[in-house]
Structures are given as C-alpha cells and as structure tokens.
C-alpha cells in the first residue's frame, strides 16, 4: 500500500516536471527564433549604416561648379529659351515644313534639289505645333523635332537652376547616359525621315 501511494504521489510530480520541460523547450525555441530575428535586424541595420557611410563618402553633386561652367550653362539655357520663344511665335506652316522661312531663311536646299525632305525638314514646324499642344500634328511634321523640343523644355530650367545654385540640383549628367539618349534620338529621327521619304515617293 505504501509503495502504491508513493507511485500515485510521484505521478503528478513527474507530469509537472514534463510540462515544465516542455514549456522550457518552447521558450528556448522562441528565444532562439527571437535571437535569429534580432540578428537579422542587426545585420540589415549594419548594411544600412554601411550604405549611408559609403554614400556620404562618395562625391556628391553638391560641389560648387566653376564660374566658367555656370556661365556656359546659362548661355545654353538662354539659347534654348530663345529657340522656344521664337518657335512659339511662329505660325506652323500647313505644308508641315518650311516654317523657318518666316524668319527670312531660305528653303531647304536638299528638298529644292531632290524633291525629298531632309532629316530636319519639319523640325521648326514640329516645335511650333508642340508648343501649342498639337502633339499629333507635331509628330506628323517631324518626330525628332518633337523630342528635341521636349528635351529643350526640360533642359532650360534645369540648366538655369544649375547655373544659379552653382551645383547640379539632382545629379550631374553622365557622358554614357547622354550618348545613349543622343543615339536613341538619332535613330528615331532617321526612322521618321525614312517614313517621310516613303510617303513622298
């Protein structure tokens, strides 16, 4: 009887120990996952700090530009603004080309001699239509002219702001990016010229 009573008393005790061990294992697993999460957070935080330090160490566009560069940028912006104002006051020629003749300039020699438009024919007309919001007529006149007009509209305030602040407001232009953009523009202008050649043949 005494031995049986001891077994009955030990059973709940062993069950409590088992529950304690199970709870301890759960806590250990949770603590391990929490440690891993904390370690991951620390790792990402260290990466972010490294990125900030490296970004601050790299040259930034906040360096002052020389006076000569600022004057050159201001001159380019002035030329672009003059072209925009002039094109806005010109009346687009209904032929789709020849708008520049309103400035007293001669007709396109290539078109006069061959009967076909040159790659720049219709560019001034495209500017006049684009600055009036007639994008469809502008693209029909000269698609390359539309792109150059859009680039001038964006470039004039950017150049003026850079000349005033003596630093690039966003980032300095990269030669490779400018080369890619110029190549894309040239290809589009040539394809548009081929379109005009086919239409006029």
N, C-alpha and C. Protein backbone atom coordinates (compact mmCIF):
# COMPACT_ATOMS: atom_id res chain seq x y z
N UNK A 1 0.83 -1.20 0.00
CA UNK A 1 0.00 0.00 0.00
C UNK A 1 0.86 1.25 0.00
N UNK A 2 1.92 1.23 0.84
CA UNK A 2 2.80 2.40 0.90
C UNK A 2 3.48 2.63 -0.44
N UNK A 3 3.91 1.55 -1.08
CA UNK A 3 4.57 1.70 -2.39
C UNK A 3 3.60 2.25 -3.42
N UNK A 4 2.35 1.79 -3.36
CA UNK A 4 1.35 2.29 -4.32
C UNK A 4 1.07 3.76 -4.11
N UNK A 5 1.00 4.17 -2.82
CA UNK A 5 0.75 5.59 -2.55
C UNK A 5 1.90 6.45 -3.05
N UNK A 6 3.13 5.95 -2.90
CA UNK A 6 4.29 6.71 -3.37
C UNK A 6 4.25 6.89 -4.90
N UNK A 7 3.84 5.83 -5.62
CA UNK A 7 3.74 5.94 -7.08
C UNK A 7 2.69 6.95 -7.48
N UNK A 8 1.55 6.96 -6.73
CA UNK A 8 0.48 7.92 -7.03
C UNK A 8 0.96 9.35 -6.79
N UNK A 9 1.76 9.53 -5.69
CA UNK A 9 2.25 10.87 -5.40
C UNK A 9 3.31 11.32 -6.40
N UNK A 10 4.13 10.36 -6.91
CA UNK A 10 5.20 10.72 -7.83
C UNK A 10 4.68 10.98 -9.25
N UNK A 11 3.51 10.39 -9.59
CA UNK A 11 2.98 10.55 -10.94
C UNK A 11 2.68 12.01 -11.27
N UNK A 12 1.91 12.71 -10.38
CA UNK A 12 1.66 14.12 -10.69
C UNK A 12 2.94 14.93 -10.72
N UNK A 13 3.90 14.57 -9.83
CA UNK A 13 5.15 15.32 -9.82
C UNK A 13 5.90 15.13 -11.13
N UNK A 14 5.97 13.90 -11.64
CA UNK A 14 6.65 13.67 -12.91
C UNK A 14 5.92 14.35 -14.06
N UNK A 15 4.59 14.40 -14.00
CA UNK A 15 3.83 15.08 -15.04
C UNK A 15 4.11 16.58 -15.02
N UNK A 16 4.22 17.14 -13.81
CA UNK A 16 4.54 18.56 -13.71
C UNK A 16 5.93 18.84 -14.24
N UNK A 17 6.87 17.95 -13.96
CA UNK A 17 8.22 18.13 -14.48
C UNK A 17 8.22 18.05 -16.01
N UNK A 18 7.42 17.15 -16.55
CA UNK A 18 7.34 17.02 -18.00
C UNK A 18 6.77 18.27 -18.64
N UNK A 19 5.73 18.83 -18.00
CA UNK A 19 5.15 20.07 -18.51
C UNK A 19 6.14 21.22 -18.42
N UNK A 20 6.90 21.24 -17.30
CA UNK A 20 7.91 22.28 -17.16
C UNK A 20 8.97 22.17 -18.25
N UNK A 21 9.43 20.95 -18.51
CA UNK A 21 10.44 20.74 -19.55
C UNK A 21 9.90 21.12 -20.93
N UNK A 22 8.63 20.79 -21.18
CA UNK A 22 8.02 21.14 -22.47
C UNK A 22 7.93 22.65 -22.64
N UNK A 23 7.50 23.31 -21.55
CA UNK A 23 7.42 24.77 -21.59
C UNK A 23 8.79 25.38 -21.77
N UNK A 24 9.80 24.82 -21.12
CA UNK A 24 11.17 25.32 -21.25
C UNK A 24 11.67 25.17 -22.68
N UNK A 25 11.34 24.02 -23.31
CA UNK A 25 11.75 23.82 -24.70
C UNK A 25 11.10 24.85 -25.62
N UNK A 26 9.79 25.10 -25.39
CA UNK A 26 9.11 26.11 -26.20
C UNK A 26 9.75 27.48 -26.03
N UNK A 27 10.06 27.81 -24.77
CA UNK A 27 10.70 29.10 -24.52
C UNK A 27 12.08 29.17 -25.18
N UNK A 28 12.79 28.03 -25.14
CA UNK A 28 14.12 28.00 -25.75
C UNK A 28 14.02 28.19 -27.27
N UNK A 29 13.02 27.49 -27.88
CA UNK A 29 12.84 27.65 -29.33
C UNK A 29 12.45 29.08 -29.68
N UNK A 30 11.53 29.64 -28.87
CA UNK A 30 11.10 31.02 -29.12
C UNK A 30 12.27 31.99 -28.94
N UNK A 31 13.07 31.73 -27.92
CA UNK A 31 14.22 32.61 -27.68
C UNK A 31 15.22 32.50 -28.82
N UNK A 32 15.39 31.26 -29.33
CA UNK A 32 16.32 31.07 -30.45
C UNK A 32 15.84 31.80 -31.70
N UNK A 33 14.52 31.68 -31.99
CA UNK A 33 13.99 32.40 -33.15
C UNK A 33 14.05 33.90 -32.95
N UNK A 34 13.81 34.35 -31.72
CA UNK A 34 13.90 35.78 -31.44
C UNK A 34 15.32 36.27 -31.63
N UNK A 35 16.28 35.45 -31.19
CA UNK A 35 17.68 35.82 -31.38
C UNK A 35 18.04 35.89 -32.86
N UNK A 36 17.51 34.93 -33.61
CA UNK A 36 17.78 34.96 -35.05
C UNK A 36 17.17 36.20 -35.69
N UNK A 37 15.92 36.52 -35.29
CA UNK A 37 15.28 37.73 -35.83
C UNK A 37 16.07 38.97 -35.46
N UNK A 38 16.50 39.03 -34.21
CA UNK A 38 17.29 40.18 -33.77
C UNK A 38 18.60 40.26 -34.52
N UNK A 39 19.21 39.10 -34.75
CA UNK A 39 20.47 39.09 -35.50
C UNK A 39 20.25 39.56 -36.94
N UNK A 40 19.12 39.12 -37.53
CA UNK A 40 18.83 39.57 -38.89
C UNK A 40 18.60 41.07 -38.94
N UNK A 41 17.88 41.58 -37.92
CA UNK A 41 17.65 43.02 -37.88
C UNK A 41 18.97 43.78 -37.72
N UNK A 42 19.82 43.28 -36.86
CA UNK A 42 21.12 43.93 -36.69
C UNK A 42 21.94 43.88 -37.97
N UNK A 43 21.83 42.76 -38.70
CA UNK A 43 22.58 42.64 -39.95
C UNK A 43 22.09 43.65 -40.98
N UNK A 44 20.75 43.76 -41.11
CA UNK A 44 20.21 44.73 -42.05
C UNK A 44 20.53 46.16 -41.61
N UNK A 45 20.49 46.39 -40.28
CA UNK A 45 20.84 47.72 -39.78
C UNK A 45 22.29 48.06 -40.09
N UNK A 46 23.17 47.06 -39.94
CA UNK A 46 24.58 47.31 -40.26
C UNK A 46 24.77 47.59 -41.74
N UNK A 47 24.02 46.87 -42.60
CA UNK A 47 24.09 47.14 -44.04
C UNK A 47 23.62 48.55 -44.35
N UNK A 48 22.53 48.97 -43.69
CA UNK A 48 22.02 50.32 -43.93
C UNK A 48 23.02 51.37 -43.49
N UNK A 49 23.67 51.14 -42.34
CA UNK A 49 24.66 52.10 -41.86
C UNK A 49 25.85 52.16 -42.82
N UNK A 50 26.27 50.98 -43.31
CA UNK A 50 27.37 50.97 -44.28
C UNK A 50 26.99 51.74 -45.54
N UNK A 51 25.74 51.53 -46.00
CA UNK A 51 25.30 52.24 -47.21
C UNK A 51 25.30 53.74 -47.00
N UNK A 52 24.85 54.19 -45.83
CA UNK A 52 24.84 55.62 -45.53
C UNK A 52 26.26 56.16 -45.51
N UNK A 53 27.17 55.43 -44.85
CA UNK A 53 28.55 55.90 -44.76
C UNK A 53 29.21 55.95 -46.13
N UNK A 54 28.96 54.91 -46.94
CA UNK A 54 29.54 54.90 -48.28
C UNK A 54 28.95 56.01 -49.13
N UNK A 55 27.64 56.25 -49.00
CA UNK A 55 27.01 57.31 -49.78
C UNK A 55 27.57 58.66 -49.41
N UNK A 56 27.84 58.86 -48.13
CA UNK A 56 28.41 60.13 -47.71
C UNK A 56 29.86 60.27 -48.14
N UNK A 57 30.54 59.12 -48.28
CA UNK A 57 31.94 59.19 -48.68
C UNK A 57 32.09 59.43 -50.17
N UNK A 58 31.06 59.03 -50.97
CA UNK A 58 31.16 59.22 -52.41
C UNK A 58 31.01 60.69 -52.75
N UNK A 59 31.56 61.11 -53.89
CA UNK A 59 31.39 62.50 -54.30
C UNK A 59 29.94 62.80 -54.62
N UNK A 60 29.42 63.89 -54.14
CA UNK A 60 28.04 64.29 -54.32
C UNK A 60 27.96 65.47 -55.26
N UNK A 61 26.75 65.68 -55.83
CA UNK A 61 26.59 66.80 -56.75
C UNK A 61 26.52 68.15 -56.06
N UNK A 62 26.81 68.22 -54.77
CA UNK A 62 26.72 69.48 -54.05
C UNK A 62 27.98 70.32 -54.17
N UNK A 63 29.01 69.82 -54.86
CA UNK A 63 30.23 70.58 -55.03
C UNK A 63 29.96 71.78 -55.93
N UNK A 64 30.56 72.90 -55.60
CA UNK A 64 30.35 74.14 -56.35
C UNK A 64 30.96 74.02 -57.74
N UNK A 65 30.21 74.48 -58.72
CA UNK A 65 30.71 74.48 -60.09
C UNK A 65 31.54 75.73 -60.34
N UNK A 66 32.56 75.63 -61.17
CA UNK A 66 33.35 76.82 -61.51
C UNK A 66 32.49 77.88 -62.21
N UNK A 67 32.94 79.11 -62.13
CA UNK A 67 32.19 80.21 -62.74
C UNK A 67 32.07 80.03 -64.25
N UNK A 68 33.14 79.55 -64.88
CA UNK A 68 33.09 79.34 -66.33
C UNK A 68 32.02 78.32 -66.71
N UNK A 69 31.89 77.26 -65.93
CA UNK A 69 30.86 76.26 -66.20
C UNK A 69 29.47 76.85 -66.02
N UNK A 70 29.30 77.66 -64.99
CA UNK A 70 28.00 78.28 -64.74
C UNK A 70 27.62 79.22 -65.88
N UNK A 71 28.57 79.97 -66.37
CA UNK A 71 28.30 80.88 -67.49
C UNK A 71 27.94 80.10 -68.75
N UNK A 72 28.64 78.99 -68.98
CA UNK A 72 28.34 78.17 -70.15
C UNK A 72 26.93 77.57 -70.06
N UNK A 73 26.56 77.11 -68.87
CA UNK A 73 25.22 76.56 -68.68
C UNK A 73 24.15 77.63 -68.87
N UNK A 74 24.42 78.82 -68.35
CA UNK A 74 23.47 79.93 -68.52
C UNK A 74 23.33 80.31 -69.99
N UNK A 75 24.44 80.27 -70.73
CA UNK A 75 24.39 80.59 -72.16
C UNK A 75 23.57 79.54 -72.92
N UNK A 76 23.77 78.26 -72.58
CA UNK A 76 23.00 77.20 -73.23
C UNK A 76 21.51 77.35 -72.92
N UNK A 77 21.20 77.67 -71.67
CA UNK A 77 19.80 77.86 -71.30
C UNK A 77 19.19 79.04 -72.04
N UNK A 78 19.97 80.11 -72.22
CA UNK A 78 19.48 81.28 -72.95
C UNK A 78 19.20 80.94 -74.41
N UNK A 79 20.09 80.18 -75.02
CA UNK A 79 19.88 79.76 -76.41
C UNK A 79 18.61 78.90 -76.52
N UNK A 80 18.46 77.95 -75.61
CA UNK A 80 17.27 77.11 -75.64
C UNK A 80 15.99 77.89 -75.43
N UNK A 81 16.02 78.84 -74.49
CA UNK A 81 14.84 79.66 -74.25
C UNK A 81 14.51 80.53 -75.46
N UNK A 82 15.53 81.06 -76.12
CA UNK A 82 15.32 81.86 -77.33
C UNK A 82 14.67 81.03 -78.43
N UNK A 83 15.12 79.80 -78.59
CA UNK A 83 14.53 78.92 -79.60
C UNK A 83 13.07 78.61 -79.28
N UNK A 84 12.78 78.38 -78.01
CA UNK A 84 11.40 78.08 -77.62
C UNK A 84 10.48 79.27 -77.86
N UNK A 85 10.92 80.45 -77.47
CA UNK A 85 10.09 81.65 -77.66
C UNK A 85 9.88 81.93 -79.14
N UNK A 86 10.94 81.79 -79.92
CA UNK A 86 10.83 82.04 -81.36
C UNK A 86 9.87 81.06 -82.02
N UNK A 87 9.99 79.78 -81.68
CA UNK A 87 9.11 78.77 -82.27
C UNK A 87 7.66 78.98 -81.85
N UNK A 88 7.47 79.49 -80.65
CA UNK A 88 6.09 79.72 -80.18
C UNK A 88 5.41 80.84 -80.96
N UNK A 89 6.16 81.83 -81.37
CA UNK A 89 5.56 82.96 -82.08
C UNK A 89 5.47 82.73 -83.58
N UNK A 90 6.10 81.69 -84.08
CA UNK A 90 5.98 81.36 -85.50
C UNK A 90 4.68 80.60 -85.75
N UNK A 91 4.09 80.85 -86.89
CA UNK A 91 2.87 80.14 -87.26
C UNK A 91 3.25 78.88 -88.04
N UNK A 92 2.89 77.70 -87.53
CA UNK A 92 3.28 76.47 -88.23
C UNK A 92 2.75 76.44 -89.66
N UNK A 93 3.62 76.12 -90.58
CA UNK A 93 3.25 76.07 -91.99
C UNK A 93 2.30 74.89 -92.23
N UNK A 94 1.19 75.11 -92.93
CA UNK A 94 0.25 74.00 -93.17
C UNK A 94 0.83 72.88 -94.02
N UNK A 95 1.92 73.13 -94.74
CA UNK A 95 2.55 72.07 -95.52
C UNK A 95 3.24 71.03 -94.65
N UNK A 96 3.51 71.40 -93.38
CA UNK A 96 4.23 70.50 -92.48
C UNK A 96 5.72 70.75 -92.48
N UNK A 97 6.18 71.71 -93.22
CA UNK A 97 7.59 72.09 -93.28
C UNK A 97 7.66 73.53 -93.78
N UNK A 98 8.85 74.12 -93.72
CA UNK A 98 9.03 75.47 -94.25
C UNK A 98 8.67 76.58 -93.29
N UNK A 99 8.38 76.27 -92.03
CA UNK A 99 8.05 77.32 -91.07
C UNK A 99 9.23 78.26 -90.84
N UNK A 100 10.43 77.74 -90.97
CA UNK A 100 11.62 78.58 -90.74
C UNK A 100 11.74 79.70 -91.76
N UNK A 101 11.04 79.59 -92.89
CA UNK A 101 11.11 80.63 -93.91
C UNK A 101 10.50 81.95 -93.43
N UNK A 102 9.67 81.90 -92.39
CA UNK A 102 9.11 83.12 -91.82
C UNK A 102 10.17 83.99 -91.17
N UNK A 103 11.32 83.41 -90.86
CA UNK A 103 12.44 84.16 -90.28
C UNK A 103 13.34 84.75 -91.35
N UNK A 104 12.96 84.62 -92.62
CA UNK A 104 13.79 85.13 -93.70
C UNK A 104 14.83 84.15 -94.18
N UNK A 105 14.77 82.92 -93.70
CA UNK A 105 15.73 81.90 -94.12
C UNK A 105 15.29 81.28 -95.44
N UNK A 106 16.25 80.75 -96.17
CA UNK A 106 15.96 80.16 -97.47
C UNK A 106 15.32 78.78 -97.30
N UNK A 107 14.59 78.32 -98.30
CA UNK A 107 14.03 76.96 -98.23
C UNK A 107 15.14 75.91 -98.17
N UNK A 108 14.74 74.72 -97.77
CA UNK A 108 15.71 73.62 -97.64
C UNK A 108 16.31 73.30 -99.01
N UNK A 109 17.62 73.39 -99.12
CA UNK A 109 18.29 73.16 -100.40
C UNK A 109 18.14 71.71 -100.84
N UNK A 110 18.19 70.78 -99.89
CA UNK A 110 18.06 69.36 -100.22
C UNK A 110 16.69 69.08 -100.83
N UNK A 111 15.66 69.65 -100.25
CA UNK A 111 14.31 69.42 -100.76
C UNK A 111 14.09 70.11 -102.11
N UNK A 112 14.68 71.28 -102.27
CA UNK A 112 14.53 72.01 -103.53
C UNK A 112 15.19 71.25 -104.67
N UNK A 113 16.35 70.66 -104.42
CA UNK A 113 17.11 69.99 -105.48
C UNK A 113 16.66 68.56 -105.73
N UNK A 114 16.23 67.86 -104.70
CA UNK A 114 15.86 66.45 -104.86
C UNK A 114 14.35 66.21 -104.86
N UNK A 115 13.61 67.12 -104.27
CA UNK A 115 12.18 66.91 -104.15
C UNK A 115 11.79 66.09 -102.95
N UNK A 116 12.77 65.68 -102.15
CA UNK A 116 12.52 64.90 -100.94
C UNK A 116 12.94 65.71 -99.72
N UNK A 117 12.28 65.52 -98.59
CA UNK A 117 12.66 66.27 -97.38
C UNK A 117 13.96 65.74 -96.79
N UNK A 118 14.69 66.62 -96.14
CA UNK A 118 15.90 66.21 -95.42
C UNK A 118 15.49 65.77 -94.01
N UNK A 119 16.41 65.18 -93.25
CA UNK A 119 16.04 64.71 -91.90
C UNK A 119 15.52 65.81 -90.98
N UNK A 120 15.91 67.07 -91.22
CA UNK A 120 15.48 68.16 -90.33
C UNK A 120 14.27 68.92 -90.86
N UNK A 121 13.79 68.56 -92.04
CA UNK A 121 12.62 69.25 -92.58
C UNK A 121 11.41 69.01 -91.67
N UNK A 122 10.73 70.08 -91.34
CA UNK A 122 9.56 69.99 -90.48
C UNK A 122 9.87 70.11 -89.00
N UNK A 123 11.16 70.26 -88.65
CA UNK A 123 11.50 70.36 -87.22
C UNK A 123 10.96 71.64 -86.61
N UNK A 124 11.14 72.76 -87.30
CA UNK A 124 10.61 74.03 -86.78
C UNK A 124 9.09 73.99 -86.71
N UNK A 125 8.48 73.39 -87.71
CA UNK A 125 7.02 73.24 -87.69
C UNK A 125 6.58 72.36 -86.52
N UNK A 126 7.34 71.31 -86.25
CA UNK A 126 7.03 70.43 -85.12
C UNK A 126 7.13 71.18 -83.80
N UNK A 127 8.14 72.03 -83.66
CA UNK A 127 8.27 72.84 -82.45
C UNK A 127 7.06 73.75 -82.29
N UNK A 128 6.65 74.41 -83.39
CA UNK A 128 5.51 75.32 -83.31
C UNK A 128 4.24 74.60 -82.89
N UNK A 129 3.99 73.42 -83.44
CA UNK A 129 2.80 72.65 -83.06
C UNK A 129 2.91 72.14 -81.63
N UNK A 130 4.09 71.64 -81.25
CA UNK A 130 4.26 71.08 -79.91
C UNK A 130 4.06 72.15 -78.83
N UNK A 131 4.56 73.34 -79.05
CA UNK A 131 4.41 74.41 -78.07
C UNK A 131 2.98 74.94 -78.01
N UNK A 132 2.16 74.58 -78.97
CA UNK A 132 0.74 74.92 -78.93
C UNK A 132 -0.11 73.76 -78.44
N UNK A 133 0.53 72.65 -78.12
CA UNK A 133 -0.19 71.49 -77.62
C UNK A 133 -0.72 70.57 -78.69
N UNK A 134 -0.40 70.83 -79.95
CA UNK A 134 -0.86 69.97 -81.05
C UNK A 134 0.19 68.88 -81.31
N UNK A 135 0.21 67.90 -80.42
CA UNK A 135 1.26 66.89 -80.48
C UNK A 135 1.13 65.98 -81.69
N UNK A 136 -0.10 65.67 -82.10
CA UNK A 136 -0.29 64.80 -83.26
C UNK A 136 0.26 65.46 -84.53
N UNK A 137 -0.06 66.73 -84.72
CA UNK A 137 0.45 67.44 -85.89
C UNK A 137 1.96 67.62 -85.80
N UNK A 138 2.45 67.81 -84.58
CA UNK A 138 3.90 67.96 -84.40
C UNK A 138 4.63 66.67 -84.76
N UNK A 139 4.09 65.53 -84.32
CA UNK A 139 4.72 64.25 -84.64
C UNK A 139 4.63 63.95 -86.13
N UNK A 140 3.54 64.38 -86.76
CA UNK A 140 3.42 64.16 -88.20
C UNK A 140 4.43 65.00 -88.98
N UNK A 141 4.76 66.17 -88.45
CA UNK A 141 5.73 67.04 -89.14
C UNK A 141 7.15 66.50 -89.00
N UNK A 142 7.56 66.22 -87.77
CA UNK A 142 8.92 65.72 -87.53
C UNK A 142 8.98 65.18 -86.10
N UNK A 143 9.08 63.86 -85.97
CA UNK A 143 9.08 63.25 -84.64
C UNK A 143 10.35 63.59 -83.87
N UNK A 144 11.48 63.65 -84.58
CA UNK A 144 12.72 64.04 -83.91
C UNK A 144 12.65 65.46 -83.39
N UNK A 145 11.95 66.34 -84.11
CA UNK A 145 11.76 67.70 -83.64
C UNK A 145 10.94 67.77 -82.37
N UNK A 146 9.94 66.90 -82.26
CA UNK A 146 9.14 66.85 -81.03
C UNK A 146 10.00 66.46 -79.84
N UNK A 147 10.85 65.46 -80.03
CA UNK A 147 11.72 65.02 -78.93
C UNK A 147 12.73 66.09 -78.55
N UNK A 148 13.29 66.77 -79.54
CA UNK A 148 14.25 67.84 -79.23
C UNK A 148 13.57 69.01 -78.53
N UNK A 149 12.32 69.30 -78.91
CA UNK A 149 11.57 70.35 -78.23
C UNK A 149 11.29 69.98 -76.78
N UNK A 150 10.90 68.73 -76.55
CA UNK A 150 10.65 68.28 -75.17
C UNK A 150 11.93 68.33 -74.34
N UNK A 151 13.05 67.92 -74.94
CA UNK A 151 14.32 67.97 -74.22
C UNK A 151 14.71 69.41 -73.89
N UNK A 152 14.41 70.34 -74.79
CA UNK A 152 14.73 71.74 -74.53
C UNK A 152 13.85 72.30 -73.42
N UNK A 153 12.57 71.93 -73.42
CA UNK A 153 11.66 72.40 -72.37
C UNK A 153 12.13 71.93 -71.00
N UNK A 154 12.60 70.70 -70.92
CA UNK A 154 13.10 70.18 -69.64
C UNK A 154 14.48 70.74 -69.32
N UNK A 155 15.31 70.90 -70.34
CA UNK A 155 16.70 71.30 -70.10
C UNK A 155 16.89 72.74 -69.71
N UNK A 156 16.05 73.65 -70.23
CA UNK A 156 16.25 75.08 -69.95
C UNK A 156 16.14 75.39 -68.45
N UNK A 157 15.06 75.02 -67.76
CA UNK A 157 15.02 75.31 -66.32
C UNK A 157 16.08 74.56 -65.52
N UNK A 158 16.42 73.35 -65.97
CA UNK A 158 17.45 72.58 -65.27
C UNK A 158 18.80 73.27 -65.37
N UNK A 159 19.15 73.75 -66.56
CA UNK A 159 20.42 74.45 -66.74
C UNK A 159 20.44 75.77 -65.98
N UNK A 160 19.32 76.51 -66.03
CA UNK A 160 19.27 77.78 -65.30
C UNK A 160 19.40 77.57 -63.80
N UNK A 161 18.70 76.57 -63.28
CA UNK A 161 18.78 76.29 -61.84
C UNK A 161 20.19 75.87 -61.44
N UNK A 162 20.84 75.08 -62.29
CA UNK A 162 22.21 74.67 -62.01
C UNK A 162 23.15 75.87 -62.01
N UNK A 163 22.98 76.77 -62.98
CA UNK A 163 23.83 77.96 -63.04
C UNK A 163 23.62 78.87 -61.84
N UNK A 164 22.39 78.95 -61.34
CA UNK A 164 22.11 79.81 -60.19
C UNK A 164 22.63 79.20 -58.90
N UNK A 165 22.39 77.90 -58.71
CA UNK A 165 22.80 77.23 -57.47
C UNK A 165 24.28 76.89 -57.44
N UNK A 166 24.93 76.92 -58.59
CA UNK A 166 26.35 76.55 -58.72
C UNK A 166 26.59 75.08 -58.39
N UNK A 167 25.57 74.26 -58.55
CA UNK A 167 25.69 72.81 -58.35
C UNK A 167 24.53 72.15 -59.08
N UNK A 168 24.71 70.86 -59.37
CA UNK A 168 23.64 70.13 -60.04
C UNK A 168 22.53 69.84 -59.04
N UNK A 169 21.29 70.21 -59.30
CA UNK A 169 20.22 70.02 -58.32
C UNK A 169 19.93 68.56 -58.01
N UNK A 170 20.02 67.68 -59.00
CA UNK A 170 19.72 66.26 -58.77
C UNK A 170 21.00 65.44 -58.87
N UNK A 171 21.57 65.39 -60.02
CA UNK A 171 22.81 64.64 -60.24
C UNK A 171 23.48 65.18 -61.49
N UNK A 172 24.79 65.15 -61.54
CA UNK A 172 25.48 65.63 -62.74
C UNK A 172 25.23 64.69 -63.91
N UNK A 173 25.15 65.21 -65.12
CA UNK A 173 24.92 64.34 -66.28
C UNK A 173 26.13 63.46 -66.55
N UNK A 174 25.85 62.22 -66.93
CA UNK A 174 26.91 61.27 -67.25
C UNK A 174 27.04 61.17 -68.77
N UNK A 175 28.26 61.10 -69.24
CA UNK A 175 28.52 61.06 -70.68
C UNK A 175 27.86 59.85 -71.32
N UNK A 176 27.91 58.70 -70.65
CA UNK A 176 27.33 57.49 -71.23
C UNK A 176 25.82 57.63 -71.39
N UNK A 177 25.16 58.21 -70.39
CA UNK A 177 23.71 58.39 -70.48
C UNK A 177 23.35 59.36 -71.60
N UNK A 178 24.11 60.45 -71.69
CA UNK A 178 23.86 61.41 -72.77
C UNK A 178 24.10 60.79 -74.14
N UNK A 179 25.12 59.95 -74.24
CA UNK A 179 25.40 59.28 -75.51
C UNK A 179 24.28 58.33 -75.90
N UNK A 180 23.75 57.60 -74.92
CA UNK A 180 22.64 56.69 -75.20
C UNK A 180 21.40 57.46 -75.65
N UNK A 181 21.09 58.54 -74.95
CA UNK A 181 19.92 59.35 -75.32
C UNK A 181 20.09 59.95 -76.71
N UNK A 182 21.29 60.45 -77.01
CA UNK A 182 21.53 61.03 -78.33
C UNK A 182 21.42 59.98 -79.43
N UNK A 183 21.91 58.76 -79.15
CA UNK A 183 21.81 57.69 -80.14
C UNK A 183 20.37 57.30 -80.40
N UNK A 184 19.58 57.20 -79.32
CA UNK A 184 18.16 56.86 -79.47
C UNK A 184 17.43 57.94 -80.27
N UNK A 185 17.73 59.20 -79.94
CA UNK A 185 17.09 60.31 -80.67
C UNK A 185 17.47 60.27 -82.15
N UNK A 186 18.74 59.99 -82.45
CA UNK A 186 19.19 59.94 -83.84
C UNK A 186 18.51 58.81 -84.60
N UNK A 187 18.36 57.65 -83.96
CA UNK A 187 17.69 56.53 -84.62
C UNK A 187 16.23 56.86 -84.90
N UNK A 188 15.56 57.47 -83.93
CA UNK A 188 14.16 57.85 -84.13
C UNK A 188 14.03 58.87 -85.26
N UNK A 189 14.95 59.85 -85.28
CA UNK A 189 14.91 60.86 -86.34
C UNK A 189 15.14 60.24 -87.71
N UNK A 190 16.05 59.28 -87.81
CA UNK A 190 16.32 58.62 -89.09
C UNK A 190 15.12 57.77 -89.54
N UNK A 191 14.51 57.05 -88.60
CA UNK A 191 13.33 56.26 -88.95
C UNK A 191 12.18 57.16 -89.40
N UNK A 192 12.03 58.29 -88.72
CA UNK A 192 10.98 59.23 -89.11
C UNK A 192 11.27 59.82 -90.49
N UNK A 193 12.54 60.05 -90.78
CA UNK A 193 12.92 60.55 -92.11
C UNK A 193 12.59 59.52 -93.20
N UNK A 194 12.88 58.25 -92.92
CA UNK A 194 12.52 57.20 -93.87
C UNK A 194 11.02 57.16 -94.10
N UNK A 195 10.26 57.39 -93.04
CA UNK A 195 8.79 57.43 -93.19
C UNK A 195 8.38 58.54 -94.14
N UNK A 196 9.00 59.71 -93.98
CA UNK A 196 8.68 60.83 -94.88
C UNK A 196 9.10 60.53 -96.31
N UNK A 197 10.24 59.86 -96.47
CA UNK A 197 10.68 59.51 -97.83
C UNK A 197 9.69 58.57 -98.50
N UNK A 198 9.18 57.60 -97.74
CA UNK A 198 8.20 56.67 -98.31
C UNK A 198 6.91 57.38 -98.66
N UNK A 199 6.46 58.28 -97.78
CA UNK A 199 5.21 59.00 -98.03
C UNK A 199 5.32 59.94 -99.22
N UNK A 200 6.52 60.47 -99.47
CA UNK A 200 6.71 61.43 -100.56
C UNK A 200 7.17 60.77 -101.86
N UNK A 201 7.29 59.44 -101.85
CA UNK A 201 7.76 58.76 -103.06
C UNK A 201 6.60 58.45 -104.01
